[in-house]
Amino acid sequence: MKIRVLNKDNGFSLVEILVSTLILVVVSTIAYQSYVGGSNMMQDKQAQTMVQTRGLVAMSIMTDDLRQATQNSNQTPSPNIVLAASPNNSNMNFYLPMVSAGNAIDTVTQEIDWNTNNMIQYKYIADPTAAGKMLLQRVETGTGNKKTIARSVSDIRFTSISLNELRIDLTITERMPTNRTISKTFTGLVKLRNRYE
């Protein structure tokens, strides 16, 4: 049987330790960069989803309201949509029909019975909860009800295309914690109610 004598030369050399440390640092850096990149990408996707959702909900609310509004009524007082001239066309006033017994048509005059005591206003105003941001608000003047349609609105434009059509351009912008800005513009054409519909 042979007996081995331990040699003092066994172990790692300084070069081997430095090389293994360098490999460990490179692998750790790559793993960290992948983690940070994935985290930033996830935050961007969440913000894009939030902006998309805000925009779609706001467009849906406005479209539902404006499909009931008109620009071509000859009734007094006038229920017609009032738009400010460009470039200040970010606010609007309009009226909705009064619906009684499931019908908005007056049985005597055979015209739409408009609720002219309750004007609806879309207001593009400063967001009181977020410094430097704007929001779009729906206000019912007759009841005093206020509802925020969208936050982080960077631009809104209402443009009359014809007597029966209105164009809405809504831009929502969100700034990420990573200092990236995500912005999306939503455009919709709304067919307004004809005065006899």
N, C-alpha and C. Protein backbone atom coordinates (compact mmCIF):
# COMPACT_ATOMS: atom_id res chain seq x y z
N MET A 1 0.81 -1.15 0.00
CA MET A 1 0.00 0.00 0.00
C MET A 1 0.87 1.24 0.00
N LYS A 2 0.43 2.21 -0.86
CA LYS A 2 1.20 3.44 -0.96
C LYS A 2 0.56 4.52 -0.10
N ILE A 3 1.33 5.27 0.51
CA ILE A 3 0.85 6.40 1.31
C ILE A 3 1.27 7.68 0.60
N ARG A 4 0.26 8.57 0.38
CA ARG A 4 0.55 9.85 -0.28
C ARG A 4 0.85 10.90 0.78
N VAL A 5 1.79 11.63 0.50
CA VAL A 5 2.16 12.72 1.39
C VAL A 5 1.56 14.00 0.83
N LEU A 6 0.91 14.75 1.69
CA LEU A 6 0.31 16.01 1.25
C LEU A 6 1.41 17.00 0.94
N ASN A 7 1.19 17.67 -0.18
CA ASN A 7 2.16 18.64 -0.65
C ASN A 7 1.66 20.03 -0.32
N LYS A 8 2.51 20.91 0.00
CA LYS A 8 2.12 22.27 0.32
C LYS A 8 1.65 23.03 -0.93
N ASP A 9 1.88 22.49 -2.11
CA ASP A 9 1.53 23.17 -3.35
C ASP A 9 0.06 22.96 -3.74
N ASN A 10 -0.68 22.12 -3.02
CA ASN A 10 -2.09 21.89 -3.36
C ASN A 10 -2.92 23.11 -2.98
N GLY A 11 -4.00 23.42 -3.80
CA GLY A 11 -4.87 24.58 -3.57
C GLY A 11 -4.98 25.39 -4.85
N PHE A 12 -5.65 26.53 -4.73
CA PHE A 12 -5.86 27.37 -5.90
C PHE A 12 -4.79 28.44 -5.95
N SER A 13 -4.37 28.74 -7.15
CA SER A 13 -3.38 29.81 -7.33
C SER A 13 -4.12 31.14 -7.40
N LEU A 14 -3.43 32.22 -7.28
CA LEU A 14 -4.01 33.55 -7.33
C LEU A 14 -4.67 33.81 -8.68
N VAL A 15 -4.06 33.35 -9.74
CA VAL A 15 -4.61 33.53 -11.09
C VAL A 15 -5.94 32.79 -11.21
N GLU A 16 -6.03 31.59 -10.71
CA GLU A 16 -7.28 30.82 -10.77
C GLU A 16 -8.40 31.53 -9.99
N ILE A 17 -8.08 32.07 -8.85
CA ILE A 17 -9.08 32.79 -8.05
C ILE A 17 -9.54 34.05 -8.78
N LEU A 18 -8.62 34.79 -9.38
CA LEU A 18 -8.98 36.00 -10.12
C LEU A 18 -9.86 35.68 -11.33
N VAL A 19 -9.53 34.63 -12.07
CA VAL A 19 -10.31 34.24 -13.24
C VAL A 19 -11.73 33.82 -12.81
N SER A 20 -11.84 33.02 -11.77
CA SER A 20 -13.17 32.59 -11.32
C SER A 20 -13.98 33.77 -10.80
N THR A 21 -13.34 34.72 -10.12
CA THR A 21 -14.03 35.91 -9.65
C THR A 21 -14.51 36.75 -10.83
N LEU A 22 -13.71 36.91 -11.85
CA LEU A 22 -14.08 37.66 -13.04
C LEU A 22 -15.28 37.00 -13.73
N ILE A 23 -15.27 35.70 -13.85
CA ILE A 23 -16.40 34.98 -14.47
C ILE A 23 -17.67 35.19 -13.64
N LEU A 24 -17.56 35.11 -12.32
CA LEU A 24 -18.70 35.32 -11.45
C LEU A 24 -19.27 36.74 -11.60
N VAL A 25 -18.41 37.75 -11.70
CA VAL A 25 -18.85 39.13 -11.86
C VAL A 25 -19.57 39.31 -13.20
N VAL A 26 -19.02 38.75 -14.28
CA VAL A 26 -19.63 38.87 -15.61
C VAL A 26 -21.01 38.21 -15.62
N VAL A 27 -21.11 37.00 -15.09
CA VAL A 27 -22.40 36.29 -15.06
C VAL A 27 -23.40 37.05 -14.18
N SER A 28 -22.97 37.57 -13.05
CA SER A 28 -23.86 38.33 -12.16
C SER A 28 -24.36 39.61 -12.85
N THR A 29 -23.48 40.28 -13.57
CA THR A 29 -23.87 41.51 -14.28
C THR A 29 -24.90 41.20 -15.36
N ILE A 30 -24.69 40.15 -16.11
CA ILE A 30 -25.64 39.76 -17.15
C ILE A 30 -26.99 39.41 -16.53
N ALA A 31 -26.99 38.67 -15.44
CA ALA A 31 -28.24 38.29 -14.78
C ALA A 31 -28.96 39.53 -14.25
N TYR A 32 -28.23 40.48 -13.67
CA TYR A 32 -28.84 41.69 -13.14
C TYR A 32 -29.44 42.54 -14.26
N GLN A 33 -28.70 42.69 -15.36
CA GLN A 33 -29.21 43.47 -16.50
C GLN A 33 -30.47 42.83 -17.08
N SER A 34 -30.50 41.52 -17.14
CA SER A 34 -31.70 40.83 -17.64
C SER A 34 -32.88 41.07 -16.70
N TYR A 35 -32.65 41.03 -15.41
CA TYR A 35 -33.71 41.26 -14.43
C TYR A 35 -34.25 42.69 -14.55
N VAL A 36 -33.35 43.68 -14.59
CA VAL A 36 -33.76 45.08 -14.69
C VAL A 36 -34.49 45.33 -16.01
N GLY A 37 -33.97 44.79 -17.11
CA GLY A 37 -34.63 44.95 -18.41
C GLY A 37 -36.01 44.34 -18.41
N GLY A 38 -36.15 43.16 -17.84
CA GLY A 38 -37.46 42.51 -17.76
C GLY A 38 -38.42 43.29 -16.88
N SER A 39 -37.93 43.82 -15.78
CA SER A 39 -38.76 44.61 -14.87
C SER A 39 -39.23 45.89 -15.56
N ASN A 40 -38.32 46.58 -16.26
CA ASN A 40 -38.70 47.79 -16.99
C ASN A 40 -39.71 47.48 -18.09
N MET A 41 -39.52 46.38 -18.78
CA MET A 41 -40.44 46.00 -19.85
C MET A 41 -41.82 45.70 -19.26
N MET A 42 -41.85 45.05 -18.10
CA MET A 42 -43.13 44.74 -17.46
C MET A 42 -43.83 46.03 -17.03
N GLN A 43 -43.10 46.99 -16.47
CA GLN A 43 -43.68 48.27 -16.08
C GLN A 43 -44.22 49.01 -17.31
N ASP A 44 -43.48 48.98 -18.41
CA ASP A 44 -43.93 49.63 -19.64
C ASP A 44 -45.21 48.99 -20.15
N LYS A 45 -45.30 47.68 -20.13
CA LYS A 45 -46.50 46.99 -20.59
C LYS A 45 -47.69 47.31 -19.69
N GLN A 46 -47.46 47.38 -18.38
CA GLN A 46 -48.55 47.74 -17.46
C GLN A 46 -49.03 49.16 -17.72
N ALA A 47 -48.10 50.09 -17.98
CA ALA A 47 -48.48 51.47 -18.27
C ALA A 47 -49.21 51.56 -19.61
N GLN A 48 -48.75 50.82 -20.60
CA GLN A 48 -49.44 50.82 -21.90
C GLN A 48 -50.86 50.29 -21.74
N THR A 49 -51.03 49.24 -20.95
CA THR A 49 -52.36 48.69 -20.71
C THR A 49 -53.23 49.70 -19.99
N MET A 50 -52.67 50.40 -19.00
CA MET A 50 -53.42 51.40 -18.25
C MET A 50 -53.86 52.55 -19.15
N VAL A 51 -52.94 53.05 -19.99
CA VAL A 51 -53.26 54.14 -20.92
C VAL A 51 -54.33 53.68 -21.91
N GLN A 52 -54.17 52.47 -22.45
CA GLN A 52 -55.15 51.92 -23.39
C GLN A 52 -56.53 51.80 -22.75
N THR A 53 -56.57 51.29 -21.53
CA THR A 53 -57.85 51.12 -20.84
C THR A 53 -58.50 52.47 -20.55
N ARG A 54 -57.73 53.43 -20.05
CA ARG A 54 -58.27 54.77 -19.78
C ARG A 54 -58.86 55.39 -21.04
N GLY A 55 -58.13 55.28 -22.13
CA GLY A 55 -58.59 55.87 -23.38
C GLY A 55 -59.86 55.21 -23.90
N LEU A 56 -59.91 53.89 -23.88
CA LEU A 56 -61.09 53.18 -24.38
C LEU A 56 -62.32 53.46 -23.54
N VAL A 57 -62.15 53.50 -22.22
CA VAL A 57 -63.28 53.79 -21.33
C VAL A 57 -63.78 55.22 -21.57
N ALA A 58 -62.86 56.18 -21.66
CA ALA A 58 -63.25 57.57 -21.90
C ALA A 58 -63.97 57.73 -23.23
N MET A 59 -63.44 57.10 -24.28
CA MET A 59 -64.08 57.20 -25.60
C MET A 59 -65.48 56.57 -25.56
N SER A 60 -65.62 55.48 -24.83
CA SER A 60 -66.92 54.81 -24.73
C SER A 60 -67.94 55.71 -24.02
N ILE A 61 -67.54 56.34 -22.93
CA ILE A 61 -68.44 57.24 -22.19
C ILE A 61 -68.87 58.40 -23.07
N MET A 62 -67.90 59.03 -23.74
CA MET A 62 -68.24 60.18 -24.57
C MET A 62 -69.10 59.78 -25.76
N THR A 63 -68.79 58.67 -26.39
CA THR A 63 -69.57 58.20 -27.53
C THR A 63 -71.00 57.91 -27.13
N ASP A 64 -71.19 57.24 -25.99
CA ASP A 64 -72.55 56.94 -25.52
C ASP A 64 -73.35 58.22 -25.28
N ASP A 65 -72.71 59.23 -24.67
CA ASP A 65 -73.39 60.51 -24.43
C ASP A 65 -73.71 61.22 -25.74
N LEU A 66 -72.69 61.36 -26.59
CA LEU A 66 -72.82 62.20 -27.77
C LEU A 66 -73.72 61.60 -28.85
N ARG A 67 -73.91 60.30 -28.85
CA ARG A 67 -74.84 59.69 -29.81
C ARG A 67 -76.27 60.15 -29.54
N GLN A 68 -76.53 60.62 -28.33
CA GLN A 68 -77.86 61.11 -27.97
C GLN A 68 -77.99 62.62 -28.19
N ALA A 69 -76.87 63.32 -28.39
CA ALA A 69 -76.88 64.78 -28.54
C ALA A 69 -77.15 65.17 -29.99
N THR A 70 -77.37 66.45 -30.22
CA THR A 70 -77.66 66.94 -31.57
C THR A 70 -76.95 68.26 -31.84
N GLN A 71 -76.82 68.58 -33.13
CA GLN A 71 -76.30 69.88 -33.56
C GLN A 71 -77.29 70.56 -34.50
N ASN A 72 -78.42 69.92 -34.79
CA ASN A 72 -79.29 70.47 -35.82
C ASN A 72 -80.74 70.66 -35.38
N SER A 73 -80.94 70.92 -34.11
CA SER A 73 -82.30 71.15 -33.65
C SER A 73 -82.67 72.62 -33.82
N ASN A 74 -83.93 72.88 -34.14
CA ASN A 74 -84.39 74.26 -34.25
C ASN A 74 -85.33 74.61 -33.09
N GLN A 75 -85.28 73.80 -32.03
CA GLN A 75 -86.13 74.06 -30.87
C GLN A 75 -85.59 75.23 -30.05
N THR A 76 -86.47 75.83 -29.26
CA THR A 76 -86.08 76.91 -28.37
C THR A 76 -86.49 76.52 -26.96
N PRO A 77 -85.62 76.58 -25.96
CA PRO A 77 -84.20 76.90 -26.07
C PRO A 77 -83.44 75.80 -26.80
N SER A 78 -82.35 76.18 -27.43
CA SER A 78 -81.62 75.26 -28.30
C SER A 78 -80.87 74.19 -27.50
N PRO A 79 -81.07 72.92 -27.86
CA PRO A 79 -80.32 71.84 -27.21
C PRO A 79 -79.04 71.50 -27.96
N ASN A 80 -78.68 72.29 -28.97
CA ASN A 80 -77.55 71.95 -29.83
C ASN A 80 -76.22 71.98 -29.08
N ILE A 81 -75.29 71.16 -29.56
CA ILE A 81 -73.93 71.13 -29.00
C ILE A 81 -73.28 72.48 -29.22
N VAL A 82 -72.58 72.95 -28.18
CA VAL A 82 -71.82 74.20 -28.29
C VAL A 82 -70.35 73.85 -28.16
N LEU A 83 -69.60 74.11 -29.25
CA LEU A 83 -68.16 73.88 -29.26
C LEU A 83 -67.44 75.21 -29.34
N ALA A 84 -66.35 75.34 -28.60
CA ALA A 84 -65.52 76.54 -28.73
C ALA A 84 -64.76 76.44 -30.06
N ALA A 85 -64.40 77.59 -30.61
CA ALA A 85 -63.65 77.60 -31.86
C ALA A 85 -62.25 77.06 -31.63
N SER A 86 -61.68 76.48 -32.67
CA SER A 86 -60.32 75.96 -32.60
C SER A 86 -59.37 77.13 -32.34
N PRO A 87 -58.33 77.05 -31.58
CA PRO A 87 -57.73 75.87 -30.96
C PRO A 87 -58.25 75.58 -29.56
N ASN A 88 -59.29 76.27 -29.12
CA ASN A 88 -59.81 76.08 -27.76
C ASN A 88 -60.95 75.08 -27.71
N ASN A 89 -61.01 74.15 -28.65
CA ASN A 89 -62.14 73.24 -28.72
C ASN A 89 -61.93 72.00 -27.84
N SER A 90 -61.47 72.23 -26.63
CA SER A 90 -61.25 71.13 -25.69
C SER A 90 -62.38 71.02 -24.66
N ASN A 91 -63.34 71.90 -24.73
CA ASN A 91 -64.52 71.87 -23.86
C ASN A 91 -65.77 71.88 -24.73
N MET A 92 -66.86 71.32 -24.24
CA MET A 92 -68.11 71.37 -24.98
C MET A 92 -69.29 71.33 -24.03
N ASN A 93 -70.42 71.85 -24.50
CA ASN A 93 -71.69 71.82 -23.76
C ASN A 93 -72.73 71.17 -24.66
N PHE A 94 -73.60 70.36 -24.06
CA PHE A 94 -74.69 69.76 -24.83
C PHE A 94 -75.78 69.31 -23.88
N TYR A 95 -76.90 68.90 -24.45
CA TYR A 95 -78.04 68.41 -23.68
C TYR A 95 -78.39 67.00 -24.14
N LEU A 96 -78.99 66.27 -23.23
CA LEU A 96 -79.48 64.93 -23.54
C LEU A 96 -81.00 64.96 -23.56
N PRO A 97 -81.62 64.04 -24.29
CA PRO A 97 -83.08 64.02 -24.31
C PRO A 97 -83.65 63.55 -22.97
N MET A 98 -84.86 64.04 -22.65
CA MET A 98 -85.60 63.54 -21.49
C MET A 98 -86.33 62.29 -21.95
N VAL A 99 -86.14 61.23 -21.25
CA VAL A 99 -86.82 59.99 -21.62
C VAL A 99 -87.91 59.73 -20.59
N SER A 100 -89.14 59.66 -21.09
CA SER A 100 -90.26 59.32 -20.21
C SER A 100 -91.00 58.16 -20.85
N ALA A 101 -91.30 57.18 -20.05
CA ALA A 101 -91.98 55.96 -20.52
C ALA A 101 -91.19 55.30 -21.64
N GLY A 102 -89.84 55.38 -21.56
CA GLY A 102 -89.00 54.72 -22.55
C GLY A 102 -88.93 55.44 -23.88
N ASN A 103 -89.44 56.67 -23.97
CA ASN A 103 -89.48 57.38 -25.24
C ASN A 103 -89.02 58.81 -25.03
N ALA A 104 -88.18 59.33 -25.96
CA ALA A 104 -87.71 60.71 -25.88
C ALA A 104 -88.49 61.62 -26.80
N ILE A 105 -89.46 61.09 -27.55
CA ILE A 105 -90.23 61.88 -28.50
C ILE A 105 -91.48 62.42 -27.80
N ASP A 106 -91.69 63.73 -27.92
CA ASP A 106 -92.90 64.36 -27.39
C ASP A 106 -94.08 63.92 -28.24
N THR A 107 -95.12 63.40 -27.61
CA THR A 107 -96.25 62.85 -28.36
C THR A 107 -97.07 63.94 -29.05
N VAL A 108 -96.99 65.19 -28.59
CA VAL A 108 -97.76 66.27 -29.21
C VAL A 108 -97.01 66.84 -30.41
N THR A 109 -95.75 67.25 -30.20
CA THR A 109 -94.98 67.91 -31.27
C THR A 109 -94.27 66.92 -32.18
N GLN A 110 -94.14 65.67 -31.74
CA GLN A 110 -93.42 64.63 -32.48
C GLN A 110 -91.93 64.99 -32.66
N GLU A 111 -91.40 65.79 -31.75
CA GLU A 111 -89.98 66.11 -31.74
C GLU A 111 -89.37 65.60 -30.45
N ILE A 112 -88.07 65.56 -30.42
CA ILE A 112 -87.36 65.10 -29.23
C ILE A 112 -87.57 66.09 -28.10
N ASP A 113 -87.86 65.59 -26.92
CA ASP A 113 -88.05 66.41 -25.73
C ASP A 113 -86.69 66.51 -25.02
N TRP A 114 -86.00 67.64 -25.18
CA TRP A 114 -84.65 67.82 -24.63
C TRP A 114 -84.70 68.32 -23.19
N ASN A 115 -83.81 67.80 -22.38
CA ASN A 115 -83.70 68.22 -20.99
C ASN A 115 -82.80 69.45 -20.92
N THR A 116 -83.35 70.61 -21.25
CA THR A 116 -82.55 71.84 -21.29
C THR A 116 -82.32 72.43 -19.90
N ASN A 117 -82.81 71.79 -18.86
CA ASN A 117 -82.53 72.23 -17.49
C ASN A 117 -81.28 71.57 -16.93
N ASN A 118 -80.69 70.65 -17.67
CA ASN A 118 -79.52 69.91 -17.19
C ASN A 118 -78.46 69.84 -18.29
N MET A 119 -77.69 70.91 -18.43
CA MET A 119 -76.63 70.93 -19.43
C MET A 119 -75.50 69.98 -19.03
N ILE A 120 -74.98 69.26 -20.00
CA ILE A 120 -73.81 68.41 -19.78
C ILE A 120 -72.60 69.16 -20.31
N GLN A 121 -71.55 69.21 -19.52
CA GLN A 121 -70.32 69.88 -19.94
C GLN A 121 -69.16 68.89 -19.86
N TYR A 122 -68.34 68.89 -20.91
CA TYR A 122 -67.05 68.18 -20.85
C TYR A 122 -66.01 69.26 -20.63
N LYS A 123 -65.27 69.13 -19.51
CA LYS A 123 -64.27 70.13 -19.15
C LYS A 123 -62.88 69.51 -19.10
N TYR A 124 -61.95 70.17 -19.75
CA TYR A 124 -60.54 69.78 -19.74
C TYR A 124 -59.87 70.69 -18.71
N ILE A 125 -59.59 70.14 -17.51
CA ILE A 125 -59.14 70.96 -16.39
C ILE A 125 -57.91 70.34 -15.71
N ALA A 126 -57.28 71.15 -14.85
CA ALA A 126 -56.14 70.66 -14.08
C ALA A 126 -56.62 69.61 -13.08
N ASP A 127 -55.85 68.55 -12.93
CA ASP A 127 -56.18 67.48 -12.00
C ASP A 127 -55.80 67.93 -10.58
N PRO A 128 -56.78 68.07 -9.69
CA PRO A 128 -56.46 68.55 -8.34
C PRO A 128 -55.67 67.52 -7.51
N THR A 129 -55.65 66.27 -7.94
CA THR A 129 -54.95 65.23 -7.18
C THR A 129 -53.54 64.96 -7.68
N ALA A 130 -53.17 65.53 -8.84
CA ALA A 130 -51.84 65.27 -9.41
C ALA A 130 -51.31 66.56 -10.02
N ALA A 131 -50.28 67.10 -9.41
CA ALA A 131 -49.71 68.36 -9.87
C ALA A 131 -49.19 68.23 -11.30
N GLY A 132 -49.54 69.21 -12.12
CA GLY A 132 -49.04 69.25 -13.49
C GLY A 132 -49.78 68.35 -14.46
N LYS A 133 -50.81 67.65 -14.02
CA LYS A 133 -51.57 66.77 -14.91
C LYS A 133 -52.95 67.34 -15.15
N MET A 134 -53.55 66.92 -16.25
CA MET A 134 -54.88 67.39 -16.63
C MET A 134 -55.83 66.20 -16.64
N LEU A 135 -57.13 66.51 -16.53
CA LEU A 135 -58.14 65.46 -16.62
C LEU A 135 -59.33 65.96 -17.41
N LEU A 136 -60.15 65.02 -17.85
CA LEU A 136 -61.38 65.34 -18.55
C LEU A 136 -62.53 64.99 -17.62
N GLN A 137 -63.39 65.98 -17.39
CA GLN A 137 -64.48 65.82 -16.42
C GLN A 137 -65.83 66.03 -17.10
N ARG A 138 -66.83 65.26 -16.68
CA ARG A 138 -68.21 65.40 -17.16
C ARG A 138 -69.01 66.02 -16.03
N VAL A 139 -69.63 67.18 -16.28
CA VAL A 139 -70.37 67.90 -15.26
C VAL A 139 -71.82 68.05 -15.73
N GLU A 140 -72.76 67.72 -14.86
CA GLU A 140 -74.17 67.97 -15.11
C GLU A 140 -74.54 69.21 -14.33
N THR A 141 -74.83 70.31 -15.03
CA THR A 141 -75.07 71.59 -14.35
C THR A 141 -76.37 71.58 -13.55
N GLY A 142 -77.37 70.85 -14.00
CA GLY A 142 -78.66 70.83 -13.30
C GLY A 142 -78.60 70.09 -11.98
N THR A 143 -77.84 69.00 -11.93
CA THR A 143 -77.78 68.19 -10.71
C THR A 143 -76.50 68.43 -9.92
N GLY A 144 -75.50 69.02 -10.56
CA GLY A 144 -74.21 69.23 -9.89
C GLY A 144 -73.33 67.99 -9.89
N ASN A 145 -73.77 66.90 -10.53
CA ASN A 145 -72.96 65.68 -10.58
C ASN A 145 -71.70 65.91 -11.40
N LYS A 146 -70.57 65.43 -10.86
CA LYS A 146 -69.30 65.52 -11.56
C LYS A 146 -68.70 64.12 -11.64
N LYS A 147 -68.15 63.81 -12.80
CA LYS A 147 -67.55 62.49 -12.99
C LYS A 147 -66.27 62.66 -13.81
N THR A 148 -65.17 62.10 -13.33
CA THR A 148 -63.93 62.13 -14.08
C THR A 148 -64.00 61.07 -15.17
N ILE A 149 -63.84 61.52 -16.40
CA ILE A 149 -63.88 60.59 -17.53
C ILE A 149 -62.50 59.96 -17.73
N ALA A 150 -61.44 60.77 -17.65
CA ALA A 150 -60.08 60.25 -17.84
C ALA A 150 -59.07 61.14 -17.13
N ARG A 151 -58.04 60.50 -16.62
CA ARG A 151 -56.91 61.21 -16.00
C ARG A 151 -55.71 61.14 -16.95
N SER A 152 -54.70 61.93 -16.66
CA SER A 152 -53.46 61.99 -17.46
C SER A 152 -53.76 62.35 -18.92
N VAL A 153 -54.74 63.21 -19.12
CA VAL A 153 -55.10 63.65 -20.47
C VAL A 153 -54.13 64.76 -20.87
N SER A 154 -53.43 64.58 -21.98
CA SER A 154 -52.51 65.62 -22.44
C SER A 154 -53.15 66.47 -23.54
N ASP A 155 -54.21 65.97 -24.19
CA ASP A 155 -54.92 66.77 -25.18
C ASP A 155 -56.29 66.16 -25.46
N ILE A 156 -57.26 67.02 -25.70
CA ILE A 156 -58.60 66.59 -26.12
C ILE A 156 -59.11 67.64 -27.09
N ARG A 157 -59.67 67.17 -28.20
CA ARG A 157 -60.22 68.07 -29.21
C ARG A 157 -61.56 67.52 -29.69
N PHE A 158 -62.56 68.41 -29.74
CA PHE A 158 -63.86 68.09 -30.30
C PHE A 158 -64.00 68.92 -31.58
N THR A 159 -64.26 68.26 -32.70
CA THR A 159 -64.35 68.96 -33.97
C THR A 159 -65.63 68.55 -34.67
N SER A 160 -66.40 69.55 -35.11
CA SER A 160 -67.62 69.27 -35.85
C SER A 160 -67.25 68.95 -37.29
N ILE A 161 -67.63 67.76 -37.76
CA ILE A 161 -67.34 67.34 -39.12
C ILE A 161 -68.50 67.74 -40.03
N SER A 162 -69.70 67.54 -39.57
CA SER A 162 -70.91 67.92 -40.29
C SER A 162 -72.00 68.13 -39.24
N LEU A 163 -73.23 68.39 -39.69
CA LEU A 163 -74.32 68.58 -38.73
C LEU A 163 -74.60 67.32 -37.93
N ASN A 164 -74.24 66.18 -38.47
CA ASN A 164 -74.55 64.91 -37.80
C ASN A 164 -73.33 64.16 -37.31
N GLU A 165 -72.13 64.72 -37.47
CA GLU A 165 -70.92 64.01 -37.06
C GLU A 165 -70.00 64.92 -36.26
N LEU A 166 -69.37 64.29 -35.27
CA LEU A 166 -68.43 64.99 -34.40
C LEU A 166 -67.20 64.10 -34.26
N ARG A 167 -66.03 64.71 -34.35
CA ARG A 167 -64.78 63.96 -34.20
C ARG A 167 -64.19 64.25 -32.83
N ILE A 168 -63.73 63.18 -32.17
CA ILE A 168 -63.08 63.31 -30.86
C ILE A 168 -61.64 62.83 -31.01
N ASP A 169 -60.69 63.65 -30.57
CA ASP A 169 -59.27 63.26 -30.51
C ASP A 169 -58.84 63.38 -29.06
N LEU A 170 -58.50 62.26 -28.45
CA LEU A 170 -58.12 62.21 -27.04
C LEU A 170 -56.72 61.63 -26.93
N THR A 171 -55.82 62.35 -26.27
CA THR A 171 -54.46 61.86 -26.06
C THR A 171 -54.21 61.71 -24.56
N ILE A 172 -53.78 60.52 -24.18
CA ILE A 172 -53.45 60.24 -22.78
C ILE A 172 -51.95 59.95 -22.71
N THR A 173 -51.28 60.58 -21.77
CA THR A 173 -49.84 60.44 -21.62
C THR A 173 -49.53 60.08 -20.17
N GLU A 174 -48.71 59.07 -19.99
CA GLU A 174 -48.32 58.63 -18.65
C GLU A 174 -46.80 58.57 -18.58
N ARG A 175 -46.24 59.13 -17.52
CA ARG A 175 -44.78 59.09 -17.32
C ARG A 175 -44.46 57.96 -16.35
N MET A 176 -43.51 57.15 -16.75
CA MET A 176 -43.13 55.98 -15.97
C MET A 176 -42.09 56.36 -14.91
N PRO A 177 -41.94 55.54 -13.86
CA PRO A 177 -40.86 55.77 -12.88
C PRO A 177 -39.48 55.69 -13.53
N THR A 178 -39.39 55.01 -14.67
CA THR A 178 -38.10 54.89 -15.39
C THR A 178 -37.87 56.09 -16.29
N ASN A 179 -38.70 57.15 -16.17
CA ASN A 179 -38.62 58.38 -16.96
C ASN A 179 -38.97 58.18 -18.43
N ARG A 180 -39.60 57.10 -18.75
CA ARG A 180 -40.12 56.91 -20.10
C ARG A 180 -41.52 57.48 -20.15
N THR A 181 -41.90 57.97 -21.30
CA THR A 181 -43.24 58.54 -21.47
C THR A 181 -44.01 57.66 -22.45
N ILE A 182 -45.20 57.27 -22.03
CA ILE A 182 -46.08 56.48 -22.89
C ILE A 182 -47.27 57.34 -23.24
N SER A 183 -47.53 57.50 -24.52
CA SER A 183 -48.61 58.36 -24.99
C SER A 183 -49.39 57.63 -26.07
N LYS A 184 -50.72 57.79 -26.03
CA LYS A 184 -51.58 57.17 -27.04
C LYS A 184 -52.70 58.12 -27.37
N THR A 185 -52.98 58.27 -28.67
CA THR A 185 -54.08 59.11 -29.13
C THR A 185 -55.21 58.24 -29.63
N PHE A 186 -56.40 58.54 -29.17
CA PHE A 186 -57.62 57.83 -29.57
C PHE A 186 -58.45 58.79 -30.42
N THR A 187 -58.94 58.32 -31.53
CA THR A 187 -59.76 59.14 -32.41
C THR A 187 -61.07 58.42 -32.68
N GLY A 188 -62.16 59.15 -32.61
CA GLY A 188 -63.46 58.55 -32.89
C GLY A 188 -64.37 59.52 -33.61
N LEU A 189 -65.17 58.99 -34.52
CA LEU A 189 -66.22 59.76 -35.18
C LEU A 189 -67.54 59.33 -34.58
N VAL A 190 -68.32 60.30 -34.13
CA VAL A 190 -69.59 60.00 -33.49
C VAL A 190 -70.72 60.54 -34.36
N LYS A 191 -71.65 59.67 -34.69
CA LYS A 191 -72.84 60.11 -35.43
C LYS A 191 -73.84 60.62 -34.39
N LEU A 192 -74.17 61.90 -34.52
CA LEU A 192 -75.07 62.54 -33.57
C LEU A 192 -76.52 62.22 -33.92
N ARG A 193 -77.39 62.45 -32.96
CA ARG A 193 -78.81 62.21 -33.15
C ARG A 193 -79.37 63.25 -34.12
N ASN A 194 -80.12 62.77 -35.08
CA ASN A 194 -80.85 63.66 -35.97
C ASN A 194 -82.02 64.21 -35.17
N ARG A 195 -82.46 65.41 -35.47
CA ARG A 195 -83.50 66.03 -34.63
C ARG A 195 -84.82 65.26 -34.63
N TYR A 196 -85.04 64.37 -35.58
CA TYR A 196 -86.29 63.62 -35.63
C TYR A 196 -86.14 62.17 -35.22
N GLU A 197 -84.94 61.77 -34.82
CA GLU A 197 -84.72 60.36 -34.45
C GLU A 197 -85.08 60.11 -33.02
